[in-house]
């Protein structure tokens, strides 16, 4: 099962919590990147896309 399908099984509250966690991780990654402590810059892209997936699922559920 892909990541989007797993997200669709979550409730709105769980999706909101997941979004908050991802946004916090993104903040930390940006901070590490700015201070030259980030080992994998690809992780920024992964987290950004995960946030987009969560928001897409939230919008899908809100439209129902």
PDB file of N, CA and C in Angstrom:
ATOM      1  N   UNK A   1       0.840  -1.175   0.000  1.00  0.00           N
ATOM      2  CA  UNK A   1       0.000   0.000   0.000  1.00  0.00           C
ATOM      3  C   UNK A   1       0.892   1.247   0.000  1.00  0.00           C
ATOM      4  N   UNK A   2       0.573   2.201  -0.849  1.00  0.00           N
ATOM      5  CA  UNK A   2       1.407   3.400  -0.924  1.00  0.00           C
ATOM      6  C   UNK A   2       1.069   4.387   0.194  1.00  0.00           C
ATOM      7  N   UNK A   3       1.860   5.428   0.275  1.00  0.00           N
ATOM      8  CA  UNK A   3       1.732   6.376   1.379  1.00  0.00           C
ATOM      9  C   UNK A   3       0.388   7.104   1.364  1.00  0.00           C
ATOM     10  N   UNK A   4      -0.093   7.483   0.183  1.00  0.00           N
ATOM     11  CA  UNK A   4      -1.371   8.200   0.095  1.00  0.00           C
ATOM     12  C   UNK A   4      -2.522   7.319   0.562  1.00  0.00           C
ATOM     13  N   UNK A   5      -2.481   6.054   0.226  1.00  0.00           N
ATOM     14  CA  UNK A   5      -3.550   5.146   0.652  1.00  0.00           C
ATOM     15  C   UNK A   5      -3.556   5.001   2.171  1.00  0.00           C
ATOM     16  N   UNK A   6      -2.378   4.955   2.766  1.00  0.00           N
ATOM     17  CA  UNK A   6      -2.293   4.868   4.228  1.00  0.00           C
ATOM     18  C   UNK A   6      -2.849   6.133   4.871  1.00  0.00           C
ATOM     19  N   UNK A   7      -2.566   7.291   4.256  1.00  0.00           N
ATOM     20  CA  UNK A   7      -3.057   8.556   4.805  1.00  0.00           C
ATOM     21  C   UNK A   7      -4.580   8.645   4.721  1.00  0.00           C
ATOM     22  N   UNK A   8      -5.159   8.077   3.665  1.00  0.00           N
ATOM     23  CA  UNK A   8      -6.618   8.133   3.504  1.00  0.00           C
ATOM     24  C   UNK A   8      -7.347   7.349   4.589  1.00  0.00           C
ATOM     25  N   UNK A   9      -6.660   6.423   5.242  1.00  0.00           N
ATOM     26  CA  UNK A   9      -7.273   5.629   6.308  1.00  0.00           C
ATOM     27  C   UNK A   9      -7.305   6.380   7.636  1.00  0.00           C
ATOM     28  N   UNK A  10      -6.546   7.479   7.744  1.00  0.00           N
ATOM     29  CA  UNK A  10      -6.465   8.230   8.990  1.00  0.00           C
ATOM     30  C   UNK A  10      -7.657   9.171   9.132  1.00  0.00           C
ATOM     31  N   UNK A  11      -7.971   9.511  10.381  1.00  0.00           N
ATOM     32  CA  UNK A  11      -9.034  10.480  10.643  1.00  0.00           C
ATOM     33  C   UNK A  11      -8.491  11.889  10.413  1.00  0.00           C
ATOM     34  N   UNK A  12      -9.389  12.871  10.397  1.00  0.00           N
ATOM     35  CA  UNK A  12      -8.982  14.256  10.197  1.00  0.00           C
ATOM     36  C   UNK A  12      -8.044  14.727  11.319  1.00  0.00           C
ATOM     37  N   UNK A  13      -8.321  14.284  12.559  1.00  0.00           N
ATOM     38  CA  UNK A  13      -7.478  14.683  13.681  1.00  0.00           C
ATOM     39  C   UNK A  13      -6.066  14.107  13.523  1.00  0.00           C
ATOM     40  N   UNK A  14      -5.995  12.845  13.090  1.00  0.00           N
ATOM     41  CA  UNK A  14      -4.693  12.204  12.886  1.00  0.00           C
ATOM     42  C   UNK A  14      -3.934  12.868  11.744  1.00  0.00           C
ATOM     43  N   UNK A  15      -4.660  13.268  10.696  1.00  0.00           N
ATOM     44  CA  UNK A  15      -4.024  13.956   9.575  1.00  0.00           C
ATOM     45  C   UNK A  15      -3.474  15.313  10.012  1.00  0.00           C
ATOM     46  N   UNK A  16      -4.234  16.027  10.826  1.00  0.00           N
ATOM     47  CA  UNK A  16      -3.773  17.323  11.319  1.00  0.00           C
ATOM     48  C   UNK A  16      -2.522  17.156  12.181  1.00  0.00           C
ATOM     49  N   UNK A  17      -2.506  16.105  12.996  1.00  0.00           N
ATOM     50  CA  UNK A  17      -1.340  15.833  13.841  1.00  0.00           C
ATOM     51  C   UNK A  17      -0.130  15.483  12.971  1.00  0.00           C
ATOM     52  N   UNK A  18      -0.349  14.675  11.945  1.00  0.00           N
ATOM     53  CA  UNK A  18       0.727  14.285  11.029  1.00  0.00           C
ATOM     54  C   UNK A  18       1.288  15.515  10.314  1.00  0.00           C
ATOM     55  N   UNK A  19       0.399  16.411   9.883  1.00  0.00           N
ATOM     56  CA  UNK A  19       0.847  17.634   9.216  1.00  0.00           C
ATOM     57  C   UNK A  19       1.713  18.468  10.159  1.00  0.00           C
ATOM     58  N   UNK A  20       1.279  18.602  11.403  1.00  0.00           N
ATOM     59  CA  UNK A  20       2.039  19.384  12.377  1.00  0.00           C
ATOM     60  C   UNK A  20       3.422  18.773  12.613  1.00  0.00           C
ATOM     61  N   UNK A  21       3.479  17.451  12.701  1.00  0.00           N
ATOM     62  CA  UNK A  21       4.767  16.772  12.899  1.00  0.00           C
ATOM     63  C   UNK A  21       5.698  17.008  11.711  1.00  0.00           C
ATOM     64  N   UNK A  22       5.145  16.907  10.498  1.00  0.00           N
ATOM     65  CA  UNK A  22       5.952  17.104   9.301  1.00  0.00           C
ATOM     66  C   UNK A  22       6.438  18.547   9.193  1.00  0.00           C
ATOM     67  N   UNK A  23       5.586  19.498   9.537  1.00  0.00           N
ATOM     68  CA  UNK A  23       5.988  20.902   9.487  1.00  0.00           C
ATOM     69  C   UNK A  23       7.095  21.191  10.512  1.00  0.00           C
ATOM     70  N   UNK A  24       7.012  20.551  11.677  1.00  0.00           N
ATOM     71  CA  UNK A  24       8.067  20.709  12.681  1.00  0.00           C
ATOM     72  C   UNK A  24       9.381  20.115  12.171  1.00  0.00           C
ATOM     73  N   UNK A  25       9.290  18.952  11.529  1.00  0.00           N
ATOM     74  CA  UNK A  25      10.490  18.330  10.963  1.00  0.00           C
ATOM     75  C   UNK A  25      11.091  19.218   9.872  1.00  0.00           C
ATOM     76  N   UNK A  26      10.223  19.811   9.039  1.00  0.00           N
ATOM     77  CA  UNK A  26      10.698  20.697   7.977  1.00  0.00           C
ATOM     78  C   UNK A  26      11.418  21.913   8.573  1.00  0.00           C
ATOM     79  N   UNK A  27      10.862  22.467   9.646  1.00  0.00           N
ATOM     80  CA  UNK A  27      11.513  23.589  10.321  1.00  0.00           C
ATOM     81  C   UNK A  27      12.911  23.189  10.788  1.00  0.00           C
ATOM     82  N   UNK A  28      13.004  22.018  11.417  1.00  0.00           N
ATOM     83  CA  UNK A  28      14.295  21.547  11.917  1.00  0.00           C
ATOM     84  C   UNK A  28      15.283  21.307  10.776  1.00  0.00           C
ATOM     85  N   UNK A  29      14.793  20.749   9.674  1.00  0.00           N
ATOM     86  CA  UNK A  29      15.668  20.502   8.527  1.00  0.00           C
ATOM     87  C   UNK A  29      16.185  21.809   7.935  1.00  0.00           C
ATOM     88  N   UNK A  30      15.299  22.801   7.809  1.00  0.00           N
ATOM     89  CA  UNK A  30      15.730  24.096   7.277  1.00  0.00           C
ATOM     90  C   UNK A  30      16.758  24.747   8.195  1.00  0.00           C
ATOM     91  N   UNK A  31      16.547  24.601   9.485  1.00  0.00           N
ATOM     92  CA  UNK A  31      17.494  25.171  10.451  1.00  0.00           C
ATOM     93  C   UNK A  31      18.850  24.477  10.323  1.00  0.00           C
ATOM     94  N   UNK A  32      18.853  23.145  10.225  1.00  0.00           N
ATOM     95  CA  UNK A  32      20.100  22.404  10.063  1.00  0.00           C
ATOM     96  C   UNK A  32      20.801  22.787   8.762  1.00  0.00           C
ATOM     97  N   UNK A  33      20.003  22.976   7.708  1.00  0.00           N
ATOM     98  CA  UNK A  33      20.571  23.337   6.417  1.00  0.00           C
ATOM     99  C   UNK A  33      21.240  24.705   6.492  1.00  0.00           C
ATOM    100  N   UNK A  34      20.602  25.639   7.171  1.00  0.00           N
ATOM    101  CA  UNK A  34      21.145  26.990   7.283  1.00  0.00           C
ATOM    102  C   UNK A  34      22.437  27.011   8.100  1.00  0.00           C
ATOM    103  N   UNK A  35      22.556  26.095   9.053  1.00  0.00           N
ATOM    104  CA  UNK A  35      23.751  26.053   9.890  1.00  0.00           C
ATOM    105  C   UNK A  35      24.771  25.023   9.389  1.00  0.00           C
ATOM    106  N   UNK A  36      24.547  24.531   8.198  1.00  0.00           N
ATOM    107  CA  UNK A  36      25.451  23.579   7.532  1.00  0.00           C
ATOM    108  C   UNK A  36      25.631  22.278   8.317  1.00  0.00           C
ATOM    109  N   UNK A  37      24.589  21.844   9.004  1.00  0.00           N
ATOM    110  CA  UNK A  37      24.648  20.594   9.761  1.00  0.00           C
ATOM    111  C   UNK A  37      23.814  19.487   9.128  1.00  0.00           C
ATOM    112  N   UNK A  38      23.129  19.789   8.027  1.00  0.00           N
ATOM    113  CA  UNK A  38      22.248  18.820   7.391  1.00  0.00           C
ATOM    114  C   UNK A  38      23.062  17.828   6.562  1.00  0.00           C
ATOM    115  N   UNK A  39      22.850  16.538   6.829  1.00  0.00           N
ATOM    116  CA  UNK A  39      23.601  15.506   6.108  1.00  0.00           C
ATOM    117  C   UNK A  39      22.953  15.157   4.773  1.00  0.00           C
ATOM    118  N   UNK A  40      21.620  15.082   4.748  1.00  0.00           N
ATOM    119  CA  UNK A  40      20.930  14.676   3.533  1.00  0.00           C
ATOM    120  C   UNK A  40      19.934  15.751   3.111  1.00  0.00           C
ATOM    121  N   UNK A  41      20.299  16.508   2.094  1.00  0.00           N
ATOM    122  CA  UNK A  41      19.402  17.559   1.623  1.00  0.00           C
ATOM    123  C   UNK A  41      18.179  16.969   0.926  1.00  0.00           C
ATOM    124  N   UNK A  42      18.246  15.742   0.500  1.00  0.00           N
ATOM    125  CA  UNK A  42      17.102  15.094  -0.147  1.00  0.00           C
ATOM    126  C   UNK A  42      15.944  14.925   0.822  1.00  0.00           C
ATOM    127  N   UNK A  43      16.226  14.884   2.108  1.00  0.00           N
ATOM    128  CA  UNK A  43      15.174  14.729   3.113  1.00  0.00           C
ATOM    129  C   UNK A  43      14.226  15.927   3.099  1.00  0.00           C
ATOM    130  N   UNK A  44      14.726  17.108   2.781  1.00  0.00           N
ATOM    131  CA  UNK A  44      13.867  18.292   2.695  1.00  0.00           C
ATOM    132  C   UNK A  44      12.792  18.073   1.635  1.00  0.00           C
ATOM    133  N   UNK A  45      13.188  17.562   0.499  1.00  0.00           N
ATOM    134  CA  UNK A  45      12.246  17.306  -0.588  1.00  0.00           C
ATOM    135  C   UNK A  45      11.223  16.243  -0.189  1.00  0.00           C
ATOM    136  N   UNK A  46      11.681  15.193   0.480  1.00  0.00           N
ATOM    137  CA  UNK A  46      10.774  14.132   0.906  1.00  0.00           C
ATOM    138  C   UNK A  46       9.723  14.656   1.873  1.00  0.00           C
ATOM    139  N   UNK A  47      10.141  15.456   2.824  1.00  0.00           N
ATOM    140  CA  UNK A  47       9.212  15.988   3.825  1.00  0.00           C
ATOM    141  C   UNK A  47       8.236  16.956   3.167  1.00  0.00           C
ATOM    142  N   UNK A  48       8.742  17.802   2.270  1.00  0.00           N
ATOM    143  CA  UNK A  48       7.874  18.761   1.579  1.00  0.00           C
ATOM    144  C   UNK A  48       6.777  18.033   0.797  1.00  0.00           C
ATOM    145  N   UNK A  49       7.135  16.956   0.134  1.00  0.00           N
ATOM    146  CA  UNK A  49       6.146  16.189  -0.627  1.00  0.00           C
ATOM    147  C   UNK A  49       5.181  15.444   0.287  1.00  0.00           C
ATOM    148  N   UNK A  50       5.664  15.002   1.434  1.00  0.00           N
ATOM    149  CA  UNK A  50       4.785  14.348   2.400  1.00  0.00           C
ATOM    150  C   UNK A  50       3.751  15.332   2.932  1.00  0.00           C
ATOM    151  N   UNK A  51       4.164  16.561   3.183  1.00  0.00           N
ATOM    152  CA  UNK A  51       3.221  17.591   3.623  1.00  0.00           C
ATOM    153  C   UNK A  51       2.161  17.807   2.544  1.00  0.00           C
ATOM    154  N   UNK A  52       2.579  17.861   1.312  1.00  0.00           N
ATOM    155  CA  UNK A  52       1.638  18.050   0.203  1.00  0.00           C
ATOM    156  C   UNK A  52       0.648  16.891   0.127  1.00  0.00           C
ATOM    157  N   UNK A  53       1.123  15.667   0.340  1.00  0.00           N
ATOM    158  CA  UNK A  53       0.224  14.503   0.323  1.00  0.00           C
ATOM    159  C   UNK A  53      -0.822  14.606   1.425  1.00  0.00           C
ATOM    160  N   UNK A  54      -0.375  14.982   2.619  1.00  0.00           N
ATOM    161  CA  UNK A  54      -1.297  15.112   3.750  1.00  0.00           C
ATOM    162  C   UNK A  54      -2.345  16.174   3.446  1.00  0.00           C
ATOM    163  N   UNK A  55      -1.905  17.311   2.927  1.00  0.00           N
ATOM    164  CA  UNK A  55      -2.846  18.384   2.615  1.00  0.00           C
ATOM    165  C   UNK A  55      -3.836  17.961   1.531  1.00  0.00           C
ATOM    166  N   UNK A  56      -3.368  17.190   0.561  1.00  0.00           N
ATOM    167  CA  UNK A  56      -4.246  16.695  -0.495  1.00  0.00           C
ATOM    168  C   UNK A  56      -5.330  15.806   0.088  1.00  0.00           C
ATOM    169  N   UNK A  57      -4.953  14.903   0.968  1.00  0.00           N
ATOM    170  CA  UNK A  57      -5.925  13.995   1.592  1.00  0.00           C
ATOM    171  C   UNK A  57      -6.901  14.778   2.461  1.00  0.00           C
ATOM    172  N   UNK A  58      -6.400  15.783   3.186  1.00  0.00           N
ATOM    173  CA  UNK A  58      -7.277  16.612   4.007  1.00  0.00           C
ATOM    174  C   UNK A  58      -8.303  17.320   3.116  1.00  0.00           C
ATOM    175  N   UNK A  59      -7.867  17.861   1.995  1.00  0.00           N
ATOM    176  CA  UNK A  59      -8.786  18.549   1.078  1.00  0.00           C
ATOM    177  C   UNK A  59      -9.778  17.584   0.451  1.00  0.00           C
ATOM    178  N   UNK A  60      -9.345  16.366   0.148  1.00  0.00           N
ATOM    179  CA  UNK A  60     -10.254  15.357  -0.388  1.00  0.00           C
ATOM    180  C   UNK A  60     -11.358  15.042   0.618  1.00  0.00           C
ATOM    181  N   UNK A  61     -10.962  14.852   1.879  1.00  0.00           N
ATOM    182  CA  UNK A  61     -11.933  14.526   2.913  1.00  0.00           C
ATOM    183  C   UNK A  61     -12.850  15.698   3.207  1.00  0.00           C
ATOM    184  N   UNK A  62     -12.348  16.909   3.136  1.00  0.00           N
ATOM    185  CA  UNK A  62     -13.167  18.091   3.392  1.00  0.00           C
ATOM    186  C   UNK A  62     -14.213  18.276   2.306  1.00  0.00           C
ATOM    187  N   UNK A  63     -13.900  17.822   1.098  1.00  0.00           N
ATOM    188  CA  UNK A  63     -14.819  17.950  -0.018  1.00  0.00           C
ATOM    189  C   UNK A  63     -15.958  16.939   0.019  1.00  0.00           C
ATOM    190  N   UNK A  64     -15.818  15.888   0.781  1.00  0.00           N
ATOM    191  CA  UNK A  64     -16.853  14.839   0.838  1.00  0.00           C
ATOM    192  C   UNK A  64     -18.037  15.257   1.659  1.00  0.00           C
TER     193      UNK A  64
END
